[in-house]
Amino acid sequence: MKIELFDARALRPLVRYLEKNGADSQAVLDTVRIPQQLTVDGGWVSKKQAYDFALEVVRHAGSEGAVFAAYHDFELCDLGPIATAMQSCKTVKDALETAARLGSIAYEGSSYGLRVCGNVTWYCYSETQFISNGQQYVDDMTLTIFWHLIRNATELDWQPKQITFAGRAQDRHRAMPSLQECAAVPRGNYSGLAFPTDFLSQRVAWSPPAVALDESDAWRFGPDGSVAIVETLHRVLESQFHLDNLPTLHQLARVCGCSPSTLKNMLRSSGTTYINVLDRLRFDNACELLAVPQATIREIAHELGYSTTSNFVRSFRRMTNMTPGQYRRREFDL
């Protein structure tokens, strides 16, 4: 099993849909333990959380077509850095391929791409593993976003004629007016939306931004050189929890969509423990705080969630063989 993460900004249309229909969006987000601010500012949730949220929206709305309806009001900025990168492209092909490439970073474990089939091209995606029962509704989310991306890039009043869903037939897409006449066709193990191949060579409809996206700074990742599971957990912890209220291993496993024993075994097989993960998280943040001249050692210890300053000093010494004060003087001359 691999824990895959999802940029929460893409969930904004679901939040707006709930609020538009008089629902308490935070209450629905709480059922899957997603802080609402992450959908505003961006941050990492597990795919299990994201997919379960889509399922909860469908249940709350009492409509199988709720996700299609929600993403009818999708805005390009809901993709965060992906939107910025697309706007630096010159052709429709470049823009859609850029979104596909960065999408595999923002929505881990999902593959996106273009499949040219003569006069028709499929903008498609597939998953590497089953995540939750909400997965089928993420198909709806993704295909509606594809429709928006193609229309935004071409600025044409275009209505798709063909749509496909991986391994199944359904007609939920007819809940979206723009897809009502779209025929569902079998294509294999991917979901996708068809559009004229001629679109690919067209110039994009927008002007490039003054400053291009710095992809290295588009998303925040875990420590360089850390093993995969540690890097993943680092992102989840930094995104969803405060340092003074970090979760137990059981609580984190629930967020990640696995059992505590599975998570513990994943860490063990990587040569570490959950305590070591928390120590590294606090250490990285401690180094940033120690660079602030006004912050006292006691204040930093409190910010990091240590019960006493001596516990912080002891933990820091274990990581560096020096006290926080010694480290601050050596690294920052403070």
Protein backbone atom coordinates (compact mmCIF):
# COMPACT_ATOMS: atom_id res chain seq x y z
CA MET A 1 0.00 0.00 0.00
CA LYS A 2 1.10 3.55 -0.73
CA ILE A 3 -0.35 6.63 0.95
CA GLU A 4 -1.19 9.10 -1.82
CA LEU A 5 -1.88 12.79 -1.26
CA PHE A 6 -4.16 15.37 -2.89
CA ASP A 7 -3.94 19.18 -3.09
CA ALA A 8 -7.06 20.32 -1.23
CA ARG A 9 -7.58 23.41 -3.40
CA ALA A 10 -9.30 21.25 -6.01
CA LEU A 11 -12.10 20.62 -3.49
CA ARG A 12 -13.21 24.27 -3.47
CA PRO A 13 -16.14 23.75 -5.89
CA LEU A 14 -17.58 21.10 -3.55
CA VAL A 15 -17.37 23.54 -0.64
CA ARG A 16 -19.04 26.28 -2.70
CA TYR A 17 -21.74 23.85 -3.82
CA LEU A 18 -22.58 22.94 -0.22
CA GLU A 19 -22.71 26.58 0.84
CA LYS A 20 -24.78 27.57 -2.20
CA ASN A 21 -27.33 24.95 -1.18
CA GLY A 22 -27.49 26.12 2.43
CA ALA A 23 -25.34 23.37 3.94
CA ASP A 24 -22.69 23.76 6.63
CA SER A 25 -19.59 22.98 4.56
CA GLN A 26 -17.30 22.81 7.59
CA ALA A 27 -19.56 20.19 9.20
CA VAL A 28 -19.31 18.03 6.09
CA LEU A 29 -15.53 18.56 5.91
CA ASP A 30 -15.30 17.58 9.58
CA THR A 31 -16.72 14.14 8.78
CA VAL A 32 -13.56 13.43 6.78
CA ARG A 33 -11.26 15.51 9.05
CA ILE A 34 -10.29 18.14 6.45
CA PRO A 35 -9.60 21.67 7.80
CA GLN A 36 -11.57 24.06 5.59
CA GLN A 37 -8.68 26.51 5.38
CA LEU A 38 -6.74 23.96 3.35
CA THR A 39 -9.26 24.29 0.53
CA VAL A 40 -8.58 28.04 0.53
CA ASP A 41 -4.80 28.22 0.98
CA GLY A 42 -3.83 24.82 -0.36
CA GLY A 43 -2.26 21.95 1.52
CA TRP A 44 -2.09 18.19 1.53
CA VAL A 45 -4.89 15.80 2.43
CA SER A 46 -4.87 12.08 1.80
CA LYS A 47 -6.69 10.92 -1.31
CA LYS A 48 -8.91 8.89 1.02
CA GLN A 49 -10.02 12.13 2.71
CA ALA A 50 -10.61 13.89 -0.62
CA TYR A 51 -12.53 11.00 -2.17
CA ASP A 52 -14.61 10.43 0.94
CA PHE A 53 -15.49 14.14 0.93
CA ALA A 54 -16.85 13.82 -2.62
CA LEU A 55 -18.95 10.87 -1.46
CA GLU A 56 -20.24 12.83 1.54
CA VAL A 57 -21.29 15.71 -0.73
CA VAL A 58 -23.26 13.28 -2.91
CA ARG A 59 -24.94 11.79 0.16
CA HIS A 60 -25.69 15.21 1.60
CA ALA A 61 -27.16 16.44 -1.69
CA GLY A 62 -29.13 13.25 -2.26
CA SER A 63 -28.14 13.41 -5.93
CA GLU A 64 -25.80 11.17 -7.93
CA GLY A 65 -25.06 14.13 -10.18
CA ALA A 66 -23.97 16.44 -7.34
CA VAL A 67 -20.27 16.46 -8.21
CA PHE A 68 -20.93 17.26 -11.87
CA ALA A 69 -23.22 20.07 -10.70
CA ALA A 70 -20.61 21.37 -8.25
CA TYR A 71 -17.81 21.49 -10.84
CA HIS A 72 -19.98 23.23 -13.39
CA ASP A 73 -18.96 26.32 -11.36
CA PHE A 74 -15.27 25.38 -11.32
CA GLU A 75 -12.78 28.25 -11.66
CA LEU A 76 -9.29 27.84 -13.11
CA CYS A 77 -7.74 29.26 -9.93
CA ASP A 78 -9.10 26.21 -8.06
CA LEU A 79 -6.07 24.35 -9.43
CA GLY A 80 -3.61 26.73 -7.77
CA PRO A 81 -0.10 26.42 -9.29
CA ILE A 82 -1.40 24.32 -12.18
CA ALA A 83 -3.48 27.26 -13.41
CA THR A 84 -0.47 29.59 -13.21
CA ALA A 85 1.70 27.16 -15.17
CA MET A 86 -0.97 26.68 -17.85
CA GLN A 87 -1.19 30.44 -18.37
CA SER A 88 2.50 30.51 -19.29
CA CYS A 89 1.89 28.16 -22.23
CA LYS A 90 1.48 29.24 -25.84
CA THR A 91 -0.60 26.45 -27.40
CA VAL A 92 -3.57 24.41 -26.27
CA LYS A 93 -1.46 21.25 -26.45
CA ASP A 94 1.23 22.73 -24.21
CA ALA A 95 -1.36 23.96 -21.71
CA LEU A 96 -3.18 20.62 -21.44
CA GLU A 97 0.07 18.65 -21.23
CA THR A 98 1.36 21.01 -18.52
CA ALA A 99 -1.83 20.49 -16.51
CA ALA A 100 -1.46 16.73 -16.96
CA ARG A 101 2.18 16.72 -15.83
CA LEU A 102 1.60 18.87 -12.77
CA GLY A 103 -1.64 17.07 -11.99
CA SER A 104 0.34 13.90 -11.32
CA ILE A 105 2.25 15.89 -8.66
CA ALA A 106 -0.76 17.58 -7.07
CA TYR A 107 -2.94 14.43 -7.13
CA GLU A 108 -0.57 11.57 -6.46
CA GLY A 109 -1.17 8.18 -8.01
CA SER A 110 -3.30 9.61 -10.82
CA SER A 111 -1.99 9.61 -14.39
CA TYR A 112 -3.16 12.25 -16.87
CA GLY A 113 -2.45 12.66 -20.55
CA LEU A 114 -3.55 13.15 -24.14
CA ARG A 115 -4.35 10.23 -26.47
CA VAL A 116 -4.56 11.29 -30.11
CA CYS A 117 -6.90 9.05 -32.15
CA GLY A 118 -7.05 10.63 -35.59
CA ASN A 119 -9.45 13.55 -35.67
CA VAL A 120 -10.34 13.03 -32.00
CA THR A 121 -8.09 13.41 -28.96
CA TRP A 122 -8.92 12.05 -25.52
CA TYR A 123 -7.93 14.00 -22.43
CA CYS A 124 -7.79 11.10 -20.01
CA TYR A 125 -6.75 9.91 -16.59
CA SER A 126 -6.40 6.68 -14.65
CA GLU A 127 -5.76 5.57 -11.07
CA THR A 128 -3.14 3.17 -9.73
CA GLN A 129 -5.23 1.77 -6.87
CA PHE A 130 -8.70 1.72 -5.34
CA ILE A 131 -9.02 4.49 -2.76
CA SER A 132 -12.63 4.57 -1.55
CA ASN A 133 -16.24 4.40 -2.72
CA GLY A 134 -15.98 8.11 -3.51
CA GLN A 135 -13.59 7.31 -6.36
CA GLN A 136 -16.34 7.20 -9.00
CA TYR A 137 -17.33 10.76 -8.10
CA VAL A 138 -13.73 11.92 -8.47
CA ASP A 139 -14.07 10.68 -12.05
CA ASP A 140 -16.95 13.15 -12.37
CA MET A 141 -14.82 15.90 -10.83
CA THR A 142 -11.87 15.25 -13.11
CA LEU A 143 -13.83 15.03 -16.35
CA THR A 144 -15.70 18.25 -15.60
CA ILE A 145 -12.38 19.98 -14.88
CA PHE A 146 -11.10 18.65 -18.23
CA TRP A 147 -14.09 20.27 -19.95
CA HIS A 148 -13.29 23.60 -18.28
CA LEU A 149 -9.58 23.39 -19.12
CA ILE A 150 -10.26 22.77 -22.81
CA ARG A 151 -12.83 25.57 -22.99
CA ASN A 152 -10.59 27.99 -21.09
CA ALA A 153 -7.63 27.27 -23.35
CA THR A 154 -9.59 27.57 -26.60
CA GLU A 155 -12.25 30.08 -25.53
CA LEU A 156 -14.62 28.25 -27.89
CA ASP A 157 -18.31 27.54 -27.28
CA TRP A 158 -17.55 23.83 -27.57
CA GLN A 159 -19.71 20.97 -26.33
CA PRO A 160 -18.09 17.51 -26.08
CA LYS A 161 -19.66 14.60 -27.92
CA GLN A 162 -17.97 11.64 -26.23
CA ILE A 163 -17.04 10.72 -22.67
CA THR A 164 -15.71 7.51 -21.15
CA PHE A 165 -15.53 6.08 -17.65
CA ALA A 166 -12.97 3.47 -16.64
CA GLY A 167 -14.47 0.00 -16.61
CA ARG A 168 -18.11 1.03 -16.26
CA ALA A 169 -21.07 2.69 -17.92
CA GLN A 170 -23.10 5.46 -16.30
CA ASP A 171 -24.99 8.58 -17.25
CA ARG A 172 -24.48 10.87 -14.23
CA HIS A 173 -22.82 13.38 -16.54
CA ARG A 174 -26.24 14.26 -17.95
CA ALA A 175 -26.83 16.23 -14.72
CA MET A 176 -24.48 18.84 -16.19
CA PRO A 177 -26.22 20.82 -18.97
CA SER A 178 -23.05 21.10 -21.05
CA LEU A 179 -22.63 17.32 -21.09
CA GLN A 180 -26.25 16.26 -21.60
CA GLU A 181 -25.71 15.35 -25.26
CA CYS A 182 -22.38 13.65 -24.57
CA ALA A 183 -22.42 9.92 -25.40
CA ALA A 184 -20.73 7.53 -22.95
CA VAL A 185 -18.50 5.16 -24.92
CA PRO A 186 -16.28 2.25 -23.76
CA ARG A 187 -12.56 2.98 -24.10
CA GLY A 188 -10.81 0.64 -21.66
CA ASN A 189 -9.08 1.28 -18.35
CA TYR A 190 -9.13 5.07 -18.31
CA SER A 191 -11.69 7.85 -17.99
CA GLY A 192 -11.62 10.68 -20.47
CA LEU A 193 -13.24 13.40 -22.51
CA ALA A 194 -12.92 13.63 -26.31
CA PHE A 195 -12.31 16.84 -28.25
CA PRO A 196 -11.25 17.71 -31.82
CA THR A 197 -7.54 17.11 -32.42
CA ASP A 198 -7.44 20.42 -34.33
CA PHE A 199 -7.67 22.23 -30.97
CA LEU A 200 -4.14 21.13 -30.02
CA SER A 201 -2.35 23.41 -32.46
CA GLN A 202 -4.34 26.51 -31.56
CA ARG A 203 -2.86 29.40 -29.60
CA VAL A 204 -4.23 29.68 -26.08
CA ALA A 205 -6.92 32.27 -25.45
CA TRP A 206 -5.08 34.08 -22.64
CA SER A 207 -2.02 36.28 -22.32
CA PRO A 208 0.93 34.84 -20.38
CA PRO A 209 1.48 36.16 -16.84
CA ALA A 210 4.26 38.63 -16.09
CA VAL A 211 5.99 36.06 -13.87
CA ALA A 212 6.08 32.36 -14.74
CA LEU A 213 5.48 29.69 -12.10
CA ASP A 214 8.50 28.51 -10.13
CA GLU A 215 7.60 24.83 -10.01
CA SER A 216 10.20 24.11 -7.33
CA ASP A 217 8.23 26.35 -4.97
CA ALA A 218 4.70 25.47 -6.13
CA TRP A 219 4.03 22.84 -3.46
CA ARG A 220 5.62 22.27 -0.09
CA PHE A 221 7.27 18.89 0.34
CA GLY A 222 8.96 17.07 3.19
CA PRO A 223 12.67 17.00 4.06
CA ASP A 224 15.10 16.40 1.21
CA GLY A 225 16.61 12.94 1.26
CA SER A 226 13.96 11.43 3.52
CA VAL A 227 12.38 8.08 2.66
CA ALA A 228 9.01 8.20 0.89
CA ILE A 229 6.75 7.40 3.85
CA VAL A 230 8.49 9.97 6.09
CA GLU A 231 8.23 12.65 3.40
CA THR A 232 4.52 11.90 2.92
CA LEU A 233 3.69 11.97 6.62
CA HIS A 234 5.70 15.18 7.03
CA ARG A 235 3.44 16.89 4.46
CA VAL A 236 0.24 15.60 6.07
CA LEU A 237 1.33 16.69 9.54
CA GLU A 238 2.47 20.16 8.42
CA SER A 239 -0.73 20.73 6.42
CA GLN A 240 -3.35 19.50 8.85
CA PHE A 241 -2.01 19.79 12.39
CA HIS A 242 -0.48 22.36 14.71
CA LEU A 243 2.85 21.52 16.28
CA ASP A 244 1.38 21.89 19.76
CA ASN A 245 -1.36 19.36 18.96
CA LEU A 246 0.17 16.63 16.83
CA PRO A 247 -1.85 13.42 16.37
CA THR A 248 -1.20 9.99 17.77
CA LEU A 249 -0.19 7.29 15.33
CA HIS A 250 -3.76 5.94 15.49
CA GLN A 251 -5.21 9.35 14.61
CA LEU A 252 -2.77 9.87 11.74
CA ALA A 253 -3.49 6.40 10.34
CA ARG A 254 -7.18 7.26 10.20
CA VAL A 255 -6.41 10.44 8.24
CA CYS A 256 -4.21 8.48 5.83
CA GLY A 257 -6.82 5.79 5.29
CA CYS A 258 -4.92 2.83 6.70
CA SER A 259 -4.77 0.87 9.94
CA PRO A 260 -2.34 1.84 12.73
CA SER A 261 -0.52 -1.48 12.34
CA THR A 262 -0.09 -0.89 8.59
CA LEU A 263 1.32 2.58 9.19
CA LYS A 264 3.64 1.32 11.92
CA ASN A 265 4.88 -1.48 9.64
CA MET A 266 5.47 0.96 6.78
CA LEU A 267 7.63 3.07 9.06
CA ARG A 268 9.45 0.05 10.46
CA SER A 269 10.24 -1.27 6.98
CA SER A 270 11.73 2.15 6.19
CA GLY A 271 13.96 1.96 9.26
CA THR A 272 12.19 4.54 11.41
CA THR A 273 9.39 5.08 13.91
CA TYR A 274 6.58 7.55 14.36
CA ILE A 275 8.43 9.20 17.24
CA ASN A 276 11.37 9.81 14.90
CA VAL A 277 9.01 11.38 12.34
CA LEU A 278 7.66 13.79 14.97
CA ASP A 279 11.17 14.60 16.18
CA ARG A 280 12.28 15.46 12.64
CA LEU A 281 9.19 17.62 12.07
CA ARG A 282 9.81 19.56 15.26
CA PHE A 283 13.53 19.82 14.54
CA ASP A 284 12.97 21.32 11.08
CA ASN A 285 10.58 23.88 12.52
CA ALA A 286 12.91 24.56 15.44
CA CYS A 287 15.73 25.46 13.05
CA GLU A 288 13.47 28.00 11.33
CA LEU A 289 12.35 29.51 14.64
CA LEU A 290 15.90 29.71 16.00
CA ALA A 291 16.73 32.06 13.14
CA VAL A 292 14.27 34.61 14.61
CA PRO A 293 16.28 36.77 17.05
CA GLN A 294 13.24 37.81 19.10
CA ALA A 295 12.13 34.21 19.84
CA THR A 296 13.39 32.86 23.16
CA ILE A 297 14.23 29.17 23.64
CA ARG A 298 11.27 28.87 26.01
CA GLU A 299 8.87 30.39 23.46
CA ILE A 300 10.18 28.09 20.74
CA ALA A 301 9.72 25.04 22.98
CA HIS A 302 6.12 26.07 23.62
CA GLU A 303 5.47 26.71 19.92
CA LEU A 304 6.75 23.24 19.08
CA GLY A 305 4.47 21.58 21.62
CA TYR A 306 7.06 20.53 24.20
CA SER A 307 5.76 20.38 27.76
CA THR A 308 8.97 21.91 29.14
CA THR A 309 11.99 23.76 27.79
CA SER A 310 14.28 21.00 29.06
CA ASN A 311 12.41 18.42 26.98
CA PHE A 312 12.97 20.57 23.89
CA VAL A 313 16.66 21.01 24.68
CA ARG A 314 17.07 17.27 25.27
CA SER A 315 15.33 16.37 22.00
CA PHE A 316 17.31 18.96 20.04
CA ARG A 317 20.60 17.75 21.50
CA ARG A 318 19.69 14.20 20.47
CA MET A 319 19.33 15.40 16.83
CA THR A 320 22.40 17.68 16.66
CA ASN A 321 24.71 16.94 19.61
CA MET A 322 24.33 20.57 20.69
CA THR A 323 21.79 22.69 22.54
CA PRO A 324 19.40 25.04 20.70
CA GLY A 325 21.42 27.99 22.03
CA GLN A 326 24.68 26.57 20.71
CA TYR A 327 23.08 25.84 17.34
CA ARG A 328 21.67 29.37 17.12
CA ARG A 329 25.06 30.94 17.85
CA ARG A 330 26.85 28.71 15.34
CA GLU A 331 24.36 28.98 12.47
CA PHE A 332 22.97 32.49 12.89
CA ASP A 333 25.51 34.27 15.11
CA LEU A 334 22.72 35.23 17.52
